[in-house]
Amino acid sequence: MTNADFIANAIAFMHPDDCGQLFVPSSTRESMPLVPNYSLDEDGVDSVKVLMATPNLIVFEAFRPKGAIDRMHMHADHHAVVYQKMGRVRMMIDADTYIVEAGDTYRHPMGVKHQHEALLDSIRIEIKYYPDGNAVESWNALVGGTHTGE
């Protein structure tokens, strides 16, 4: 994908004016409810705003209310590193369980099963790394389309 192609693509859950920019005023953007493709029959677990996107990275902030839990799942096309900004989460990664609190960081490598359960209202910053590129297309497929913040 060329840089021009990348900038022209709609990035789901990112304000269209922010696509392709070197600086993104994320503090002025609102989060939107998200239901990823692995939990389509659930209510939206997270409210998300994409902070930055490149051909290999998607960085987003996600709010999860206390009690919300996603299904055990894995991603075949990307790795993730997560910074817990606020709250407390029970995080299952493969066969291990962790209690993640504000200020903690964790990761779930590509192909490893994981699950999040919010023990308190929580906010996380997640970086998804797509080693083969196509981050925008893969992200849009994961989250069910090209919904952008207006």
N, C-alpha and C. Protein backbone atom coordinates (compact mmCIF):
# COMPACT_ATOMS: atom_id res chain seq x y z
N MET A 1 0.85 -1.18 0.00
CA MET A 1 0.00 0.00 0.00
C MET A 1 0.90 1.24 0.00
N THR A 2 0.63 2.16 -0.89
CA THR A 2 1.41 3.40 -0.90
C THR A 2 0.88 4.33 0.17
N ASN A 3 1.65 5.35 0.50
CA ASN A 3 1.20 6.32 1.50
C ASN A 3 -0.07 7.01 1.03
N ALA A 4 -0.16 7.31 -0.26
CA ALA A 4 -1.37 7.95 -0.79
C ALA A 4 -2.58 7.03 -0.63
N ASP A 5 -2.41 5.74 -0.92
CA ASP A 5 -3.51 4.78 -0.74
C ASP A 5 -3.92 4.72 0.73
N PHE A 6 -2.92 4.69 1.60
CA PHE A 6 -3.19 4.61 3.04
C PHE A 6 -4.02 5.81 3.49
N ILE A 7 -3.60 7.00 3.12
CA ILE A 7 -4.29 8.22 3.54
C ILE A 7 -5.71 8.25 3.00
N ALA A 8 -5.93 7.69 1.81
CA ALA A 8 -7.26 7.71 1.19
C ALA A 8 -8.22 6.73 1.85
N ASN A 9 -7.72 5.74 2.57
CA ASN A 9 -8.59 4.74 3.18
C ASN A 9 -9.29 5.30 4.42
N ALA A 10 -10.56 4.93 4.58
CA ALA A 10 -11.29 5.30 5.80
C ALA A 10 -10.84 4.38 6.91
N ILE A 11 -10.54 4.94 8.05
CA ILE A 11 -10.10 4.16 9.20
C ILE A 11 -11.23 4.16 10.21
N ALA A 12 -11.79 2.99 10.44
CA ALA A 12 -12.93 2.88 11.34
C ALA A 12 -12.59 3.40 12.73
N PHE A 13 -13.48 4.23 13.27
CA PHE A 13 -13.36 4.80 14.61
C PHE A 13 -12.24 5.84 14.71
N MET A 14 -11.91 6.47 13.58
CA MET A 14 -10.96 7.58 13.58
C MET A 14 -11.63 8.74 12.86
N HIS A 15 -11.47 9.94 13.37
CA HIS A 15 -12.05 11.10 12.72
C HIS A 15 -11.42 11.26 11.33
N PRO A 16 -12.22 11.46 10.28
CA PRO A 16 -11.67 11.51 8.93
C PRO A 16 -10.62 12.61 8.73
N ASP A 17 -10.72 13.72 9.46
CA ASP A 17 -9.72 14.79 9.32
C ASP A 17 -8.36 14.37 9.86
N ASP A 18 -8.32 13.31 10.68
CA ASP A 18 -7.07 12.88 11.32
C ASP A 18 -6.30 11.85 10.51
N CYS A 19 -6.94 11.24 9.51
CA CYS A 19 -6.30 10.19 8.73
C CYS A 19 -5.07 10.73 8.00
N GLY A 20 -3.96 10.05 8.17
CA GLY A 20 -2.73 10.40 7.46
C GLY A 20 -1.95 11.57 8.05
N GLN A 21 -2.39 12.10 9.18
CA GLN A 21 -1.72 13.26 9.78
C GLN A 21 -0.55 12.83 10.66
N LEU A 22 0.43 13.72 10.80
CA LEU A 22 1.55 13.48 11.71
C LEU A 22 1.18 13.81 13.15
N PHE A 23 0.19 14.70 13.33
CA PHE A 23 -0.31 15.07 14.65
C PHE A 23 -1.82 14.89 14.64
N VAL A 24 -2.35 14.25 15.68
CA VAL A 24 -3.78 14.01 15.79
C VAL A 24 -4.29 14.58 17.11
N PRO A 25 -5.25 15.51 17.08
CA PRO A 25 -5.78 16.09 18.32
C PRO A 25 -6.81 15.17 18.97
N SER A 26 -6.37 14.00 19.40
CA SER A 26 -7.28 12.99 19.94
C SER A 26 -8.05 13.47 21.15
N SER A 27 -7.49 14.44 21.88
CA SER A 27 -8.17 14.96 23.07
C SER A 27 -9.49 15.62 22.72
N THR A 28 -9.67 16.00 21.46
CA THR A 28 -10.91 16.66 21.05
C THR A 28 -11.89 15.69 20.40
N ARG A 29 -11.55 14.42 20.31
CA ARG A 29 -12.39 13.43 19.62
C ARG A 29 -13.18 12.59 20.63
N GLU A 30 -14.35 12.16 20.20
CA GLU A 30 -15.23 11.34 21.04
C GLU A 30 -15.05 9.86 20.71
N SER A 31 -15.24 9.02 21.73
CA SER A 31 -15.24 7.58 21.52
C SER A 31 -16.58 7.14 20.97
N MET A 32 -16.58 5.98 20.31
CA MET A 32 -17.80 5.41 19.74
C MET A 32 -17.90 3.94 20.13
N PRO A 33 -19.12 3.43 20.35
CA PRO A 33 -19.27 2.01 20.72
C PRO A 33 -18.76 1.10 19.61
N LEU A 34 -18.09 0.04 20.00
CA LEU A 34 -17.51 -0.90 19.05
C LEU A 34 -17.92 -2.31 19.42
N VAL A 35 -18.28 -3.10 18.44
CA VAL A 35 -18.51 -4.53 18.62
C VAL A 35 -17.63 -5.24 17.60
N PRO A 36 -16.54 -5.86 18.06
CA PRO A 36 -15.64 -6.52 17.11
C PRO A 36 -16.27 -7.74 16.48
N ASN A 37 -15.70 -8.20 15.37
CA ASN A 37 -16.30 -9.31 14.62
C ASN A 37 -16.34 -10.62 15.37
N TYR A 38 -15.59 -10.77 16.47
CA TYR A 38 -15.61 -12.02 17.22
C TYR A 38 -16.68 -12.00 18.31
N SER A 39 -17.46 -10.94 18.43
CA SER A 39 -18.52 -10.90 19.44
C SER A 39 -19.73 -10.15 18.91
N LEU A 40 -20.13 -10.48 17.69
CA LEU A 40 -21.23 -9.76 17.04
C LEU A 40 -22.57 -9.92 17.73
N ASP A 41 -22.75 -11.00 18.49
CA ASP A 41 -24.04 -11.19 19.15
C ASP A 41 -24.06 -10.59 20.55
N GLU A 42 -22.99 -9.88 20.92
CA GLU A 42 -22.94 -9.21 22.22
C GLU A 42 -23.21 -7.73 22.03
N ASP A 43 -23.62 -7.07 23.11
CA ASP A 43 -23.67 -5.62 23.07
C ASP A 43 -22.26 -5.10 22.98
N GLY A 44 -22.09 -3.86 22.55
CA GLY A 44 -20.75 -3.29 22.46
C GLY A 44 -20.03 -3.37 23.79
N VAL A 45 -18.85 -3.96 23.78
CA VAL A 45 -18.08 -4.14 25.00
C VAL A 45 -17.26 -2.88 25.28
N ASP A 46 -16.72 -2.31 24.24
CA ASP A 46 -15.84 -1.15 24.37
C ASP A 46 -16.41 0.06 23.64
N SER A 47 -15.97 1.23 24.09
CA SER A 47 -16.17 2.46 23.35
C SER A 47 -14.76 2.90 22.95
N VAL A 48 -14.54 3.14 21.67
CA VAL A 48 -13.20 3.26 21.12
C VAL A 48 -13.03 4.54 20.32
N LYS A 49 -11.81 5.08 20.35
CA LYS A 49 -11.41 6.07 19.35
C LYS A 49 -10.00 5.72 18.91
N VAL A 50 -9.81 5.68 17.59
CA VAL A 50 -8.48 5.43 17.05
C VAL A 50 -7.70 6.72 17.20
N LEU A 51 -6.51 6.60 17.79
CA LEU A 51 -5.65 7.76 18.03
C LEU A 51 -4.69 7.99 16.88
N MET A 52 -4.21 6.90 16.27
CA MET A 52 -3.25 7.00 15.18
C MET A 52 -3.30 5.70 14.39
N ALA A 53 -3.07 5.80 13.10
CA ALA A 53 -3.00 4.61 12.25
C ALA A 53 -1.89 4.80 11.22
N THR A 54 -1.16 3.73 10.96
CA THR A 54 -0.15 3.70 9.91
C THR A 54 -0.37 2.39 9.16
N PRO A 55 0.37 2.14 8.10
CA PRO A 55 0.19 0.87 7.40
C PRO A 55 0.45 -0.37 8.28
N ASN A 56 1.22 -0.25 9.36
CA ASN A 56 1.52 -1.39 10.22
C ASN A 56 0.96 -1.28 11.63
N LEU A 57 0.45 -0.11 12.04
CA LEU A 57 0.01 0.10 13.42
C LEU A 57 -1.38 0.71 13.49
N ILE A 58 -2.13 0.25 14.47
CA ILE A 58 -3.37 0.93 14.88
C ILE A 58 -3.22 1.19 16.37
N VAL A 59 -3.38 2.43 16.79
CA VAL A 59 -3.31 2.80 18.21
C VAL A 59 -4.67 3.36 18.58
N PHE A 60 -5.26 2.81 19.63
CA PHE A 60 -6.58 3.29 20.03
C PHE A 60 -6.72 3.35 21.54
N GLU A 61 -7.70 4.15 21.97
CA GLU A 61 -8.08 4.23 23.37
C GLU A 61 -9.44 3.55 23.48
N ALA A 62 -9.59 2.70 24.50
CA ALA A 62 -10.85 1.98 24.68
C ALA A 62 -11.33 2.12 26.12
N PHE A 63 -12.60 2.47 26.26
CA PHE A 63 -13.27 2.49 27.57
C PHE A 63 -14.10 1.23 27.67
N ARG A 64 -14.01 0.54 28.81
CA ARG A 64 -14.83 -0.64 29.07
C ARG A 64 -15.48 -0.47 30.44
N PRO A 65 -16.82 -0.52 30.51
CA PRO A 65 -17.48 -0.36 31.80
C PRO A 65 -17.30 -1.58 32.70
N LYS A 66 -17.37 -1.34 33.99
CA LYS A 66 -17.27 -2.41 34.99
C LYS A 66 -18.25 -3.53 34.63
N GLY A 67 -17.75 -4.75 34.69
CA GLY A 67 -18.57 -5.92 34.43
C GLY A 67 -18.56 -6.40 32.99
N ALA A 68 -18.10 -5.57 32.07
CA ALA A 68 -18.08 -5.97 30.65
C ALA A 68 -16.95 -6.96 30.42
N ILE A 69 -17.25 -7.98 29.65
CA ILE A 69 -16.27 -9.03 29.35
C ILE A 69 -16.42 -9.42 27.88
N ASP A 70 -15.30 -9.62 27.22
CA ASP A 70 -15.36 -10.10 25.85
C ASP A 70 -15.15 -11.60 25.84
N ARG A 71 -15.32 -12.22 24.70
CA ARG A 71 -15.11 -13.66 24.57
C ARG A 71 -13.61 -13.95 24.49
N MET A 72 -13.22 -15.15 24.90
CA MET A 72 -11.87 -15.61 24.67
C MET A 72 -11.68 -15.63 23.15
N HIS A 73 -10.62 -15.01 22.68
CA HIS A 73 -10.39 -14.93 21.24
C HIS A 73 -8.90 -14.76 20.97
N MET A 74 -8.52 -14.82 19.71
CA MET A 74 -7.14 -14.56 19.31
C MET A 74 -7.16 -13.87 17.95
N HIS A 75 -6.04 -13.28 17.61
CA HIS A 75 -5.90 -12.57 16.34
C HIS A 75 -4.74 -13.20 15.57
N ALA A 76 -5.01 -13.61 14.34
CA ALA A 76 -4.00 -14.29 13.53
C ALA A 76 -3.11 -13.32 12.75
N ASP A 77 -3.46 -12.02 12.76
CA ASP A 77 -2.72 -11.09 11.90
C ASP A 77 -1.98 -9.98 12.63
N HIS A 78 -2.07 -9.93 13.98
CA HIS A 78 -1.38 -8.85 14.68
C HIS A 78 -1.03 -9.21 16.12
N HIS A 79 -0.05 -8.49 16.62
CA HIS A 79 0.35 -8.52 18.03
C HIS A 79 -0.27 -7.30 18.70
N ALA A 80 -0.42 -7.32 20.03
CA ALA A 80 -0.94 -6.15 20.74
C ALA A 80 -0.13 -5.91 22.02
N VAL A 81 0.13 -4.62 22.28
CA VAL A 81 0.72 -4.17 23.54
C VAL A 81 -0.28 -3.17 24.12
N VAL A 82 -0.57 -3.31 25.42
CA VAL A 82 -1.62 -2.52 26.03
C VAL A 82 -1.11 -1.84 27.30
N TYR A 83 -1.42 -0.56 27.43
CA TYR A 83 -1.15 0.21 28.65
C TYR A 83 -2.49 0.46 29.34
N GLN A 84 -2.61 0.04 30.58
CA GLN A 84 -3.85 0.25 31.34
C GLN A 84 -3.79 1.65 31.93
N LYS A 85 -4.59 2.54 31.38
CA LYS A 85 -4.58 3.95 31.79
C LYS A 85 -5.40 4.19 33.06
N MET A 86 -6.51 3.44 33.21
CA MET A 86 -7.42 3.65 34.34
C MET A 86 -8.14 2.35 34.63
N GLY A 87 -8.48 2.13 35.89
CA GLY A 87 -9.32 1.00 36.26
C GLY A 87 -8.56 -0.27 36.56
N ARG A 88 -9.31 -1.35 36.56
CA ARG A 88 -8.75 -2.68 36.87
C ARG A 88 -9.43 -3.70 35.96
N VAL A 89 -8.62 -4.62 35.43
CA VAL A 89 -9.09 -5.62 34.48
C VAL A 89 -8.53 -6.99 34.88
N ARG A 90 -9.35 -8.03 34.74
CA ARG A 90 -8.84 -9.39 34.82
C ARG A 90 -8.50 -9.78 33.38
N MET A 91 -7.24 -10.07 33.15
CA MET A 91 -6.75 -10.35 31.80
C MET A 91 -6.27 -11.78 31.74
N MET A 92 -6.89 -12.55 30.86
CA MET A 92 -6.45 -13.92 30.64
C MET A 92 -5.67 -13.94 29.33
N ILE A 93 -4.43 -14.40 29.41
CA ILE A 93 -3.58 -14.51 28.23
C ILE A 93 -3.08 -15.95 28.20
N ASP A 94 -3.52 -16.69 27.18
CA ASP A 94 -3.22 -18.11 27.07
C ASP A 94 -3.75 -18.81 28.32
N ALA A 95 -2.91 -19.47 29.10
CA ALA A 95 -3.38 -20.20 30.29
C ALA A 95 -3.20 -19.40 31.57
N ASP A 96 -2.72 -18.16 31.47
CA ASP A 96 -2.43 -17.36 32.66
C ASP A 96 -3.46 -16.25 32.85
N THR A 97 -3.71 -15.90 34.13
CA THR A 97 -4.63 -14.81 34.46
C THR A 97 -3.88 -13.77 35.27
N TYR A 98 -4.12 -12.50 34.93
CA TYR A 98 -3.46 -11.37 35.59
C TYR A 98 -4.52 -10.37 36.03
N ILE A 99 -4.27 -9.69 37.13
CA ILE A 99 -5.07 -8.53 37.51
C ILE A 99 -4.26 -7.31 37.09
N VAL A 100 -4.81 -6.57 36.15
CA VAL A 100 -4.12 -5.43 35.55
C VAL A 100 -4.71 -4.16 36.13
N GLU A 101 -3.85 -3.29 36.66
CA GLU A 101 -4.29 -2.04 37.27
C GLU A 101 -3.71 -0.85 36.51
N ALA A 102 -4.22 0.32 36.79
CA ALA A 102 -3.73 1.54 36.14
C ALA A 102 -2.22 1.61 36.24
N GLY A 103 -1.57 1.87 35.12
CA GLY A 103 -0.12 1.96 35.05
C GLY A 103 0.56 0.69 34.60
N ASP A 104 -0.18 -0.44 34.57
CA ASP A 104 0.40 -1.71 34.13
C ASP A 104 0.36 -1.82 32.61
N THR A 105 1.25 -2.66 32.09
CA THR A 105 1.32 -2.92 30.65
C THR A 105 1.34 -4.42 30.43
N TYR A 106 0.67 -4.87 29.39
CA TYR A 106 0.67 -6.29 29.04
C TYR A 106 0.64 -6.43 27.53
N ARG A 107 0.84 -7.66 27.07
CA ARG A 107 0.78 -7.91 25.63
C ARG A 107 0.12 -9.26 25.38
N HIS A 108 -0.48 -9.37 24.21
CA HIS A 108 -0.95 -10.67 23.75
C HIS A 108 -0.45 -10.83 22.32
N PRO A 109 0.50 -11.77 22.17
CA PRO A 109 1.10 -11.98 20.85
C PRO A 109 0.11 -12.53 19.83
N MET A 110 0.45 -12.38 18.58
CA MET A 110 -0.35 -12.90 17.48
C MET A 110 -0.59 -14.40 17.70
N GLY A 111 -1.86 -14.80 17.54
CA GLY A 111 -2.21 -16.21 17.66
C GLY A 111 -2.42 -16.72 19.07
N VAL A 112 -2.29 -15.87 20.09
CA VAL A 112 -2.45 -16.30 21.48
C VAL A 112 -3.85 -15.90 21.97
N LYS A 113 -4.58 -16.85 22.54
CA LYS A 113 -5.92 -16.58 23.04
C LYS A 113 -5.85 -15.65 24.25
N HIS A 114 -6.84 -14.75 24.33
CA HIS A 114 -6.90 -13.79 25.44
C HIS A 114 -8.33 -13.32 25.65
N GLN A 115 -8.56 -12.74 26.84
CA GLN A 115 -9.89 -12.25 27.21
C GLN A 115 -9.74 -11.18 28.27
N HIS A 116 -10.57 -10.13 28.18
CA HIS A 116 -10.55 -9.01 29.13
C HIS A 116 -11.87 -8.98 29.90
N GLU A 117 -11.80 -8.77 31.20
CA GLU A 117 -12.99 -8.54 32.01
C GLU A 117 -12.75 -7.31 32.87
N ALA A 118 -13.58 -6.29 32.71
CA ALA A 118 -13.42 -5.06 33.48
C ALA A 118 -13.94 -5.25 34.89
N LEU A 119 -13.04 -5.17 35.87
CA LEU A 119 -13.43 -5.27 37.28
C LEU A 119 -13.88 -3.91 37.81
N LEU A 120 -13.40 -2.85 37.17
CA LEU A 120 -13.82 -1.46 37.41
C LEU A 120 -13.95 -0.80 36.04
N ASP A 121 -14.63 0.34 35.97
CA ASP A 121 -14.59 1.11 34.72
C ASP A 121 -13.12 1.26 34.34
N SER A 122 -12.81 1.00 33.07
CA SER A 122 -11.41 0.94 32.66
C SER A 122 -11.17 1.64 31.34
N ILE A 123 -9.98 2.20 31.22
CA ILE A 123 -9.51 2.77 29.96
C ILE A 123 -8.14 2.18 29.67
N ARG A 124 -7.96 1.72 28.43
CA ARG A 124 -6.67 1.20 28.02
C ARG A 124 -6.25 1.86 26.71
N ILE A 125 -4.95 1.94 26.52
CA ILE A 125 -4.38 2.38 25.26
C ILE A 125 -3.76 1.14 24.63
N GLU A 126 -4.21 0.78 23.45
CA GLU A 126 -3.76 -0.45 22.81
C GLU A 126 -3.07 -0.13 21.49
N ILE A 127 -1.95 -0.80 21.28
CA ILE A 127 -1.19 -0.68 20.03
C ILE A 127 -1.23 -2.04 19.36
N LYS A 128 -1.83 -2.09 18.19
CA LYS A 128 -1.87 -3.32 17.41
C LYS A 128 -0.84 -3.21 16.30
N TYR A 129 0.08 -4.19 16.25
CA TYR A 129 1.13 -4.21 15.25
C TYR A 129 0.86 -5.33 14.24
N TYR A 130 0.73 -4.94 12.98
CA TYR A 130 0.47 -5.87 11.89
C TYR A 130 1.77 -6.06 11.11
N PRO A 131 2.51 -7.14 11.36
CA PRO A 131 3.83 -7.29 10.73
C PRO A 131 3.78 -7.37 9.21
N ASP A 132 2.68 -7.84 8.64
CA ASP A 132 2.57 -7.94 7.19
C ASP A 132 1.94 -6.71 6.56
N GLY A 133 1.73 -5.65 7.35
CA GLY A 133 1.07 -4.45 6.82
C GLY A 133 -0.43 -4.64 6.77
N ASN A 134 -1.09 -3.83 5.94
CA ASN A 134 -2.54 -3.88 5.78
C ASN A 134 -3.29 -3.62 7.09
N ALA A 135 -2.71 -2.79 7.95
CA ALA A 135 -3.33 -2.52 9.25
C ALA A 135 -4.73 -1.92 9.10
N VAL A 136 -4.89 -0.97 8.18
CA VAL A 136 -6.18 -0.31 8.04
C VAL A 136 -7.26 -1.29 7.58
N GLU A 137 -6.95 -2.07 6.55
CA GLU A 137 -7.93 -3.04 6.05
C GLU A 137 -8.24 -4.10 7.11
N SER A 138 -7.20 -4.58 7.79
CA SER A 138 -7.41 -5.60 8.83
C SER A 138 -8.22 -5.05 10.00
N TRP A 139 -7.89 -3.81 10.43
CA TRP A 139 -8.64 -3.17 11.53
C TRP A 139 -10.10 -3.00 11.13
N ASN A 140 -10.34 -2.46 9.94
CA ASN A 140 -11.72 -2.25 9.50
C ASN A 140 -12.50 -3.56 9.45
N ALA A 141 -11.85 -4.64 9.01
CA ALA A 141 -12.52 -5.95 8.99
C ALA A 141 -12.80 -6.42 10.42
N LEU A 142 -11.87 -6.21 11.32
CA LEU A 142 -12.03 -6.64 12.71
C LEU A 142 -13.20 -5.94 13.39
N VAL A 143 -13.36 -4.65 13.12
CA VAL A 143 -14.36 -3.87 13.83
C VAL A 143 -15.66 -3.69 13.03
N GLY A 144 -15.73 -4.30 11.89
CA GLY A 144 -17.01 -4.35 11.17
C GLY A 144 -17.31 -3.17 10.28
N GLY A 145 -16.31 -2.61 9.60
CA GLY A 145 -16.63 -1.60 8.62
C GLY A 145 -15.74 -0.40 8.67
N THR A 146 -16.27 0.69 8.13
CA THR A 146 -15.48 1.91 7.99
C THR A 146 -16.11 3.08 8.73
N HIS A 147 -16.80 2.80 9.85
CA HIS A 147 -17.41 3.88 10.63
C HIS A 147 -16.32 4.84 11.09
N THR A 148 -16.46 6.09 10.75
CA THR A 148 -15.48 7.09 11.18
C THR A 148 -16.19 8.14 12.03
N GLY A 149 -15.45 8.72 12.94
CA GLY A 149 -16.00 9.77 13.79
C GLY A 149 -16.17 11.05 13.01
N GLU A 150 -17.32 11.62 13.10
CA GLU A 150 -17.57 12.88 12.39
C GLU A 150 -17.65 14.01 13.39
